């Protein structure tokens, strides 16, 4: 079963020239509302999680870059979409790495607000 709407959204001009922000939001909205596409994305994520060789050690080393890459107002670092997806999938299934990431986010936010206390 294929989704013609998804195929149309993927063929919108703008993907090639980097001006696909409207296309991305329309694509995201469609995937969240279309049961066929949503199921396929879930299957894709599960397949990538199975094939992913991202260990906790490698994930931990990527967390600072992952944090920075997810900040659209201050994108100091860029990770590939594959790297972003690998870390995201790993964090969704590994509570230990998720705890480390949550600590990193908290510390970064405190530092940005200049609320860190010196020892």
N, C-alpha and C. Protein backbone atom coordinates (compact mmCIF):
# COMPACT_ATOMS: atom_id res chain seq x y z
N UNK A 1 0.85 -1.17 0.00
CA UNK A 1 0.00 0.00 0.00
C UNK A 1 0.90 1.24 0.00
N UNK A 2 0.61 2.18 -0.87
CA UNK A 2 1.40 3.40 -0.93
C UNK A 2 0.52 4.62 -0.77
N UNK A 3 1.13 5.66 -0.30
CA UNK A 3 0.38 6.89 -0.02
C UNK A 3 0.72 7.93 -1.10
N UNK A 4 -0.26 8.28 -1.90
CA UNK A 4 -0.04 9.24 -2.98
C UNK A 4 0.27 10.63 -2.43
N UNK A 5 -0.32 10.98 -1.30
CA UNK A 5 -0.06 12.29 -0.70
C UNK A 5 1.40 12.40 -0.31
N UNK A 6 1.94 11.35 0.29
CA UNK A 6 3.35 11.35 0.67
C UNK A 6 4.24 11.50 -0.56
N UNK A 7 3.93 10.76 -1.61
CA UNK A 7 4.71 10.87 -2.84
C UNK A 7 4.67 12.28 -3.40
N UNK A 8 3.50 12.90 -3.35
CA UNK A 8 3.37 14.29 -3.81
C UNK A 8 4.23 15.23 -2.96
N UNK A 9 4.16 15.08 -1.64
CA UNK A 9 4.94 15.94 -0.75
C UNK A 9 6.45 15.77 -0.96
N UNK A 10 6.86 14.56 -1.26
CA UNK A 10 8.29 14.31 -1.49
C UNK A 10 8.76 14.87 -2.83
N UNK A 11 7.84 15.13 -3.74
CA UNK A 11 8.20 15.66 -5.05
C UNK A 11 8.04 17.18 -5.16
N UNK A 12 7.78 17.84 -4.05
CA UNK A 12 7.61 19.30 -4.07
C UNK A 12 8.95 19.96 -4.37
N UNK A 13 8.91 20.98 -5.25
CA UNK A 13 10.12 21.76 -5.52
C UNK A 13 10.60 22.40 -4.22
N UNK A 14 11.87 22.48 -4.07
CA UNK A 14 12.43 23.08 -2.86
C UNK A 14 13.36 22.13 -2.14
N UNK A 15 13.13 20.83 -2.31
CA UNK A 15 14.02 19.86 -1.66
C UNK A 15 15.43 19.99 -2.20
N UNK A 16 15.53 20.19 -3.51
CA UNK A 16 16.85 20.23 -4.15
C UNK A 16 17.61 21.49 -3.81
N UNK A 17 16.92 22.61 -3.65
CA UNK A 17 17.62 23.88 -3.44
C UNK A 17 17.64 24.31 -1.97
N UNK A 18 17.27 23.41 -1.06
CA UNK A 18 17.37 23.71 0.36
C UNK A 18 16.29 24.62 0.91
N UNK A 19 15.24 24.86 0.17
CA UNK A 19 14.17 25.75 0.62
C UNK A 19 12.90 24.94 0.88
N UNK A 20 13.07 23.89 1.65
CA UNK A 20 11.95 22.97 1.85
C UNK A 20 11.37 23.04 3.25
N UNK A 21 11.53 24.18 3.95
CA UNK A 21 11.02 24.24 5.32
C UNK A 21 9.50 24.06 5.35
N UNK A 22 8.79 24.65 4.41
CA UNK A 22 7.34 24.47 4.34
C UNK A 22 7.05 23.02 3.99
N UNK A 23 7.82 22.47 3.07
CA UNK A 23 7.63 21.09 2.67
C UNK A 23 7.87 20.15 3.85
N UNK A 24 8.90 20.42 4.65
CA UNK A 24 9.19 19.58 5.81
C UNK A 24 8.04 19.61 6.80
N UNK A 25 7.50 20.79 7.06
CA UNK A 25 6.41 20.86 8.04
C UNK A 25 5.16 20.17 7.51
N UNK A 26 4.88 20.31 6.22
CA UNK A 26 3.73 19.63 5.62
C UNK A 26 3.95 18.12 5.65
N UNK A 27 5.17 17.69 5.38
CA UNK A 27 5.50 16.27 5.41
C UNK A 27 5.34 15.71 6.82
N UNK A 28 5.86 16.42 7.79
CA UNK A 28 5.76 15.99 9.18
C UNK A 28 4.29 15.91 9.62
N UNK A 29 3.52 16.93 9.29
CA UNK A 29 2.10 16.93 9.65
C UNK A 29 1.37 15.76 8.99
N UNK A 30 1.71 15.50 7.74
CA UNK A 30 1.05 14.39 7.04
C UNK A 30 1.39 13.05 7.70
N UNK A 31 2.66 12.83 8.00
CA UNK A 31 3.07 11.56 8.59
C UNK A 31 2.39 11.33 9.93
N UNK A 32 2.18 12.40 10.69
CA UNK A 32 1.53 12.26 11.99
C UNK A 32 0.03 11.99 11.88
N UNK A 33 -0.57 12.38 10.76
CA UNK A 33 -2.02 12.21 10.63
C UNK A 33 -2.44 11.05 9.73
N UNK A 34 -1.53 10.57 8.90
CA UNK A 34 -1.86 9.48 7.97
C UNK A 34 -1.48 8.14 8.62
N UNK A 35 -2.45 7.27 8.85
CA UNK A 35 -2.14 6.00 9.51
C UNK A 35 -1.17 5.13 8.71
N UNK A 36 -1.26 5.15 7.40
CA UNK A 36 -0.36 4.34 6.57
C UNK A 36 1.07 4.83 6.73
N UNK A 37 1.27 6.13 6.58
CA UNK A 37 2.62 6.69 6.68
C UNK A 37 3.17 6.56 8.09
N UNK A 38 2.32 6.80 9.07
CA UNK A 38 2.77 6.69 10.46
C UNK A 38 3.26 5.28 10.76
N UNK A 39 2.51 4.28 10.33
CA UNK A 39 2.93 2.89 10.55
C UNK A 39 4.26 2.60 9.86
N UNK A 40 4.43 3.12 8.66
CA UNK A 40 5.67 2.88 7.91
C UNK A 40 6.86 3.56 8.59
N UNK A 41 6.66 4.75 9.14
CA UNK A 41 7.74 5.43 9.85
C UNK A 41 8.12 4.65 11.11
N UNK A 42 7.13 4.13 11.80
CA UNK A 42 7.40 3.31 12.98
C UNK A 42 8.20 2.07 12.59
N UNK A 43 7.80 1.42 11.50
CA UNK A 43 8.54 0.26 11.02
C UNK A 43 9.97 0.63 10.64
N UNK A 44 10.14 1.77 9.99
CA UNK A 44 11.48 2.22 9.61
C UNK A 44 12.34 2.47 10.84
N UNK A 45 11.78 3.15 11.82
CA UNK A 45 12.52 3.43 13.05
C UNK A 45 12.93 2.14 13.76
N UNK A 46 12.02 1.18 13.80
CA UNK A 46 12.34 -0.10 14.43
C UNK A 46 13.44 -0.83 13.66
N UNK A 47 13.37 -0.79 12.34
CA UNK A 47 14.39 -1.45 11.53
C UNK A 47 15.75 -0.78 11.72
N UNK A 48 15.75 0.54 11.78
CA UNK A 48 17.01 1.25 12.01
C UNK A 48 17.56 0.97 13.40
N UNK A 49 16.68 0.84 14.37
CA UNK A 49 17.13 0.54 15.73
C UNK A 49 17.78 -0.83 15.78
N UNK A 50 17.23 -1.77 15.07
CA UNK A 50 17.79 -3.13 15.05
C UNK A 50 19.15 -3.12 14.36
N UNK A 51 19.26 -2.37 13.26
CA UNK A 51 20.50 -2.34 12.49
C UNK A 51 21.55 -1.39 13.09
N UNK A 52 21.14 -0.53 13.98
CA UNK A 52 22.05 0.47 14.51
C UNK A 52 23.11 -0.17 15.39
N UNK A 53 24.34 0.23 15.16
CA UNK A 53 25.45 -0.27 15.97
C UNK A 53 25.84 0.77 17.01
N UNK A 54 24.94 1.68 17.32
CA UNK A 54 25.24 2.74 18.27
C UNK A 54 25.25 2.18 19.68
N UNK A 55 26.43 2.13 20.26
CA UNK A 55 26.57 1.64 21.63
C UNK A 55 26.35 2.80 22.59
N UNK A 56 26.20 2.48 23.85
CA UNK A 56 26.05 3.52 24.87
C UNK A 56 27.27 4.42 24.90
N UNK A 57 28.45 3.84 24.72
CA UNK A 57 29.67 4.64 24.73
C UNK A 57 29.68 5.64 23.58
N UNK A 58 29.36 5.17 22.39
CA UNK A 58 29.33 6.06 21.23
C UNK A 58 28.22 7.10 21.38
N UNK A 59 27.08 6.69 21.87
CA UNK A 59 25.97 7.62 22.08
C UNK A 59 26.40 8.71 23.06
N UNK A 60 27.02 8.33 24.16
CA UNK A 60 27.47 9.31 25.17
C UNK A 60 28.43 10.32 24.57
N UNK A 61 29.31 9.86 23.69
CA UNK A 61 30.25 10.79 23.06
C UNK A 61 29.56 11.74 22.09
N UNK A 62 28.43 11.34 21.53
CA UNK A 62 27.71 12.19 20.59
C UNK A 62 26.73 13.15 21.26
N UNK A 63 26.45 12.96 22.53
CA UNK A 63 25.41 13.75 23.18
C UNK A 63 25.66 15.26 23.14
N UNK A 64 26.88 15.76 23.40
CA UNK A 64 27.05 17.22 23.31
C UNK A 64 26.74 17.77 21.91
N UNK A 65 27.20 17.07 20.88
CA UNK A 65 26.92 17.51 19.52
C UNK A 65 25.43 17.39 19.19
N UNK A 66 24.81 16.33 19.69
CA UNK A 66 23.37 16.13 19.49
C UNK A 66 22.59 17.28 20.12
N UNK A 67 22.98 17.64 21.33
CA UNK A 67 22.32 18.76 22.02
C UNK A 67 22.45 20.05 21.21
N UNK A 68 23.67 20.35 20.78
CA UNK A 68 23.90 21.58 20.02
C UNK A 68 23.18 21.56 18.68
N UNK A 69 23.17 20.42 18.01
CA UNK A 69 22.53 20.32 16.70
C UNK A 69 21.01 20.47 16.79
N UNK A 70 20.43 20.16 17.94
CA UNK A 70 18.97 20.27 18.10
C UNK A 70 18.52 21.68 18.45
N UNK A 71 19.44 22.59 18.61
CA UNK A 71 19.11 23.97 19.00
C UNK A 71 19.07 24.85 17.75
N UNK A 72 17.91 25.06 17.17
CA UNK A 72 17.84 25.81 15.91
C UNK A 72 18.27 27.27 16.05
N UNK A 73 18.14 27.84 17.25
CA UNK A 73 18.54 29.24 17.38
C UNK A 73 20.06 29.40 17.43
N UNK A 74 20.76 28.39 17.90
CA UNK A 74 22.22 28.43 18.01
C UNK A 74 22.84 27.15 17.48
N UNK A 75 22.69 26.86 16.20
CA UNK A 75 23.24 25.59 15.69
C UNK A 75 24.76 25.64 15.56
N UNK A 76 25.46 25.36 16.65
CA UNK A 76 26.92 25.41 16.65
C UNK A 76 27.54 24.18 16.01
N UNK A 77 26.78 23.11 15.94
CA UNK A 77 27.27 21.84 15.42
C UNK A 77 26.23 21.26 14.49
N UNK A 78 26.66 20.57 13.47
CA UNK A 78 25.74 19.86 12.59
C UNK A 78 26.06 18.38 12.62
N UNK A 79 25.04 17.57 12.81
CA UNK A 79 25.16 16.13 12.69
C UNK A 79 24.34 15.72 11.47
N UNK A 80 24.74 14.65 10.85
CA UNK A 80 23.95 14.17 9.71
C UNK A 80 22.59 13.69 10.22
N UNK A 81 21.64 13.61 9.32
CA UNK A 81 20.31 13.13 9.71
C UNK A 81 20.38 11.71 10.25
N UNK A 82 21.27 10.91 9.70
CA UNK A 82 21.43 9.53 10.18
C UNK A 82 21.96 9.53 11.61
N UNK A 83 22.97 10.36 11.89
CA UNK A 83 23.51 10.44 13.25
C UNK A 83 22.46 10.93 14.23
N UNK A 84 21.70 11.94 13.82
CA UNK A 84 20.63 12.46 14.68
C UNK A 84 19.61 11.36 14.98
N UNK A 85 19.22 10.63 13.95
CA UNK A 85 18.24 9.57 14.11
C UNK A 85 18.77 8.46 14.99
N UNK A 86 20.04 8.08 14.80
CA UNK A 86 20.62 7.03 15.62
C UNK A 86 20.62 7.40 17.09
N UNK A 87 21.02 8.62 17.40
CA UNK A 87 21.04 9.06 18.80
C UNK A 87 19.62 9.13 19.34
N UNK A 88 18.71 9.68 18.57
CA UNK A 88 17.32 9.79 19.00
C UNK A 88 16.71 8.42 19.30
N UNK A 89 16.94 7.47 18.42
CA UNK A 89 16.41 6.13 18.63
C UNK A 89 17.05 5.48 19.85
N UNK A 90 18.37 5.66 19.99
CA UNK A 90 19.06 5.08 21.14
C UNK A 90 18.52 5.68 22.44
N UNK A 91 18.32 7.01 22.46
CA UNK A 91 17.80 7.65 23.67
C UNK A 91 16.38 7.19 24.00
N UNK A 92 15.62 6.85 22.97
CA UNK A 92 14.24 6.41 23.23
C UNK A 92 14.19 5.02 23.85
N UNK A 93 15.27 4.27 23.70
CA UNK A 93 15.25 2.91 24.24
C UNK A 93 16.25 2.66 25.36
N UNK A 94 17.07 3.64 25.69
CA UNK A 94 18.11 3.44 26.71
C UNK A 94 17.94 4.48 27.81
N UNK A 95 17.42 4.06 28.94
CA UNK A 95 17.17 5.01 30.03
C UNK A 95 18.47 5.57 30.61
N UNK A 96 19.53 4.80 30.59
CA UNK A 96 20.81 5.28 31.12
C UNK A 96 21.33 6.46 30.29
N UNK A 97 21.37 6.31 28.99
CA UNK A 97 21.83 7.40 28.13
C UNK A 97 20.86 8.58 28.17
N UNK A 98 19.57 8.30 28.27
CA UNK A 98 18.57 9.37 28.36
C UNK A 98 18.79 10.18 29.63
N UNK A 99 19.12 9.52 30.75
CA UNK A 99 19.41 10.23 31.99
C UNK A 99 20.64 11.13 31.84
N UNK A 100 21.67 10.62 31.18
CA UNK A 100 22.87 11.42 30.93
C UNK A 100 22.53 12.63 30.07
N UNK A 101 21.72 12.42 29.04
CA UNK A 101 21.33 13.53 28.17
C UNK A 101 20.50 14.56 28.93
N UNK A 102 19.57 14.10 29.75
CA UNK A 102 18.75 15.03 30.54
C UNK A 102 19.62 15.88 31.47
N UNK A 103 20.65 15.27 32.06
CA UNK A 103 21.59 16.01 32.91
C UNK A 103 22.35 17.05 32.09
N UNK A 104 22.78 16.66 30.89
CA UNK A 104 23.49 17.58 30.01
C UNK A 104 22.61 18.78 29.66
N UNK A 105 21.36 18.52 29.34
CA UNK A 105 20.42 19.60 29.00
C UNK A 105 20.24 20.53 30.19
N UNK A 106 20.04 19.96 31.37
CA UNK A 106 19.85 20.78 32.57
C UNK A 106 21.07 21.65 32.84
N UNK A 107 22.26 21.05 32.81
CA UNK A 107 23.48 21.81 33.05
C UNK A 107 23.69 22.90 32.00
N UNK A 108 23.41 22.59 30.76
CA UNK A 108 23.56 23.58 29.69
C UNK A 108 22.61 24.75 29.87
N UNK A 109 21.37 24.44 30.26
CA UNK A 109 20.39 25.51 30.47
C UNK A 109 20.77 26.38 31.66
N UNK A 110 21.28 25.77 32.73
CA UNK A 110 21.74 26.54 33.88
C UNK A 110 22.91 27.44 33.50
N UNK A 111 23.82 26.91 32.72
CA UNK A 111 24.98 27.68 32.29
C UNK A 111 24.54 28.85 31.40
N UNK A 112 23.61 28.61 30.50
CA UNK A 112 23.14 29.67 29.61
C UNK A 112 22.46 30.80 30.38
N UNK A 113 21.77 30.44 31.47
CA UNK A 113 21.09 31.45 32.28
C UNK A 113 22.03 32.01 33.35
N UNK A 114 23.29 31.60 33.30
CA UNK A 114 24.31 32.05 34.25
C UNK A 114 23.89 31.74 35.69
N UNK A 115 23.33 30.55 35.89
CA UNK A 115 22.87 30.13 37.21
C UNK A 115 23.75 29.04 37.80
N UNK A 116 24.90 28.81 37.16
CA UNK A 116 25.81 27.80 37.69
C UNK A 116 26.52 28.37 38.91
N UNK A 117 26.67 27.56 39.93
CA UNK A 117 27.39 27.97 41.12
C UNK A 117 28.80 27.41 41.07
N UNK A 118 29.76 28.23 41.41
CA UNK A 118 31.15 27.81 41.42
C UNK A 118 31.42 27.03 42.70
N UNK A 119 32.18 25.92 42.61
CA UNK A 119 32.49 25.15 43.83
C UNK A 119 33.43 25.88 44.75
